């Protein structure tokens, strides 16, 4: 998981992880920017396994929601899953 993975250093970290074959979760406040970053990474790294999640680290509810979603996602799967 890369927080702030939709821009700057976070984006390039997510891109590098995806290029190395890792499953990547982009988590930040803007779902629109997350989606754009995910789509760009998918274009640059065909077959990449990218998810996106809204996350505001200053909000307990947002962090809790991410934790619950992580618990229910099958992160060991080798096939990409919808974001």
Protein backbone atom coordinates (compact mmCIF):
# COMPACT_ATOMS: atom_id res chain seq x y z
CA UNK A 1 0.00 0.00 0.00
CA UNK A 2 1.28 3.42 -0.97
CA UNK A 3 -0.33 6.36 0.78
CA UNK A 4 -0.32 9.41 -1.46
CA UNK A 5 0.27 7.11 -4.40
CA UNK A 6 -1.58 9.28 -6.87
CA UNK A 7 1.12 11.96 -7.32
CA UNK A 8 4.80 12.72 -6.96
CA UNK A 9 7.07 10.31 -5.13
CA UNK A 10 4.12 8.16 -4.07
CA UNK A 11 3.06 7.70 -7.70
CA UNK A 12 6.54 6.69 -8.80
CA UNK A 13 6.79 4.31 -5.85
CA UNK A 14 3.47 2.69 -6.86
CA UNK A 15 4.65 2.54 -10.48
CA UNK A 16 7.94 0.89 -9.51
CA UNK A 17 6.21 -1.64 -7.29
CA UNK A 18 3.73 -2.48 -10.04
CA UNK A 19 6.56 -2.86 -12.56
CA UNK A 20 8.27 -5.32 -10.21
CA UNK A 21 5.10 -7.44 -10.10
CA UNK A 22 3.79 -6.38 -6.70
CA UNK A 23 0.09 -5.95 -6.04
CA UNK A 24 -0.33 -2.25 -5.20
CA UNK A 25 -2.98 -0.35 -3.29
CA UNK A 26 -3.04 3.39 -3.90
CA UNK A 27 -4.58 5.08 -0.86
CA UNK A 28 -5.23 8.80 -0.56
CA UNK A 29 -8.01 11.33 -0.07
CA UNK A 30 -8.95 11.88 -3.72
CA UNK A 31 -10.61 8.91 -5.44
CA UNK A 32 -10.58 10.81 -8.74
CA UNK A 33 -6.80 11.28 -8.58
CA UNK A 34 -6.42 7.67 -7.39
CA UNK A 35 -8.37 6.48 -10.42
CA UNK A 36 -6.27 8.55 -12.81
CA UNK A 37 -3.05 7.24 -11.25
CA UNK A 38 -4.32 3.65 -11.39
CA UNK A 39 -5.30 4.00 -15.04
CA UNK A 40 -1.92 5.48 -15.96
CA UNK A 41 -0.03 2.71 -14.15
CA UNK A 42 -2.21 0.11 -15.88
CA UNK A 43 -1.28 1.68 -19.25
CA UNK A 44 2.43 1.80 -18.41
CA UNK A 45 2.53 -1.66 -16.81
CA UNK A 46 0.08 -3.95 -18.62
CA UNK A 47 -1.24 -6.68 -16.36
CA UNK A 48 -0.44 -4.71 -13.20
CA UNK A 49 -2.46 -5.46 -10.08
CA UNK A 50 -3.63 -2.10 -8.76
CA UNK A 51 -6.38 -1.24 -6.30
CA UNK A 52 -7.39 2.16 -5.07
CA UNK A 53 -8.91 3.23 -1.81
CA UNK A 54 -9.97 6.52 -0.32
CA UNK A 55 -7.96 7.27 2.81
CA UNK A 56 -7.82 10.31 5.05
CA UNK A 57 -5.25 9.47 7.71
CA UNK A 58 -6.64 12.20 9.98
CA UNK A 59 -10.00 10.40 10.14
CA UNK A 60 -10.40 7.34 12.36
CA UNK A 61 -13.48 6.31 10.36
CA UNK A 62 -11.51 6.42 7.10
CA UNK A 63 -8.64 4.36 8.54
CA UNK A 64 -11.12 1.90 10.04
CA UNK A 65 -12.90 1.54 6.68
CA UNK A 66 -9.58 0.81 4.96
CA UNK A 67 -8.73 -1.79 7.59
CA UNK A 68 -12.07 -3.52 7.13
CA UNK A 69 -11.68 -3.53 3.34
CA UNK A 70 -8.14 -4.89 3.58
CA UNK A 71 -9.42 -7.70 5.79
CA UNK A 72 -12.02 -8.77 3.23
CA UNK A 73 -9.89 -8.41 0.07
CA UNK A 74 -8.09 -11.49 -1.14
CA UNK A 75 -4.64 -9.92 -1.37
CA UNK A 76 -2.88 -13.23 -2.03
CA UNK A 77 -4.58 -13.72 -5.39
CA UNK A 78 -2.31 -13.48 -8.40
CA UNK A 79 -5.07 -12.16 -10.63
CA UNK A 80 -6.07 -8.49 -10.76
CA UNK A 81 -9.31 -7.57 -9.05
CA UNK A 82 -11.57 -4.57 -9.60
CA UNK A 83 -10.77 -1.45 -7.64
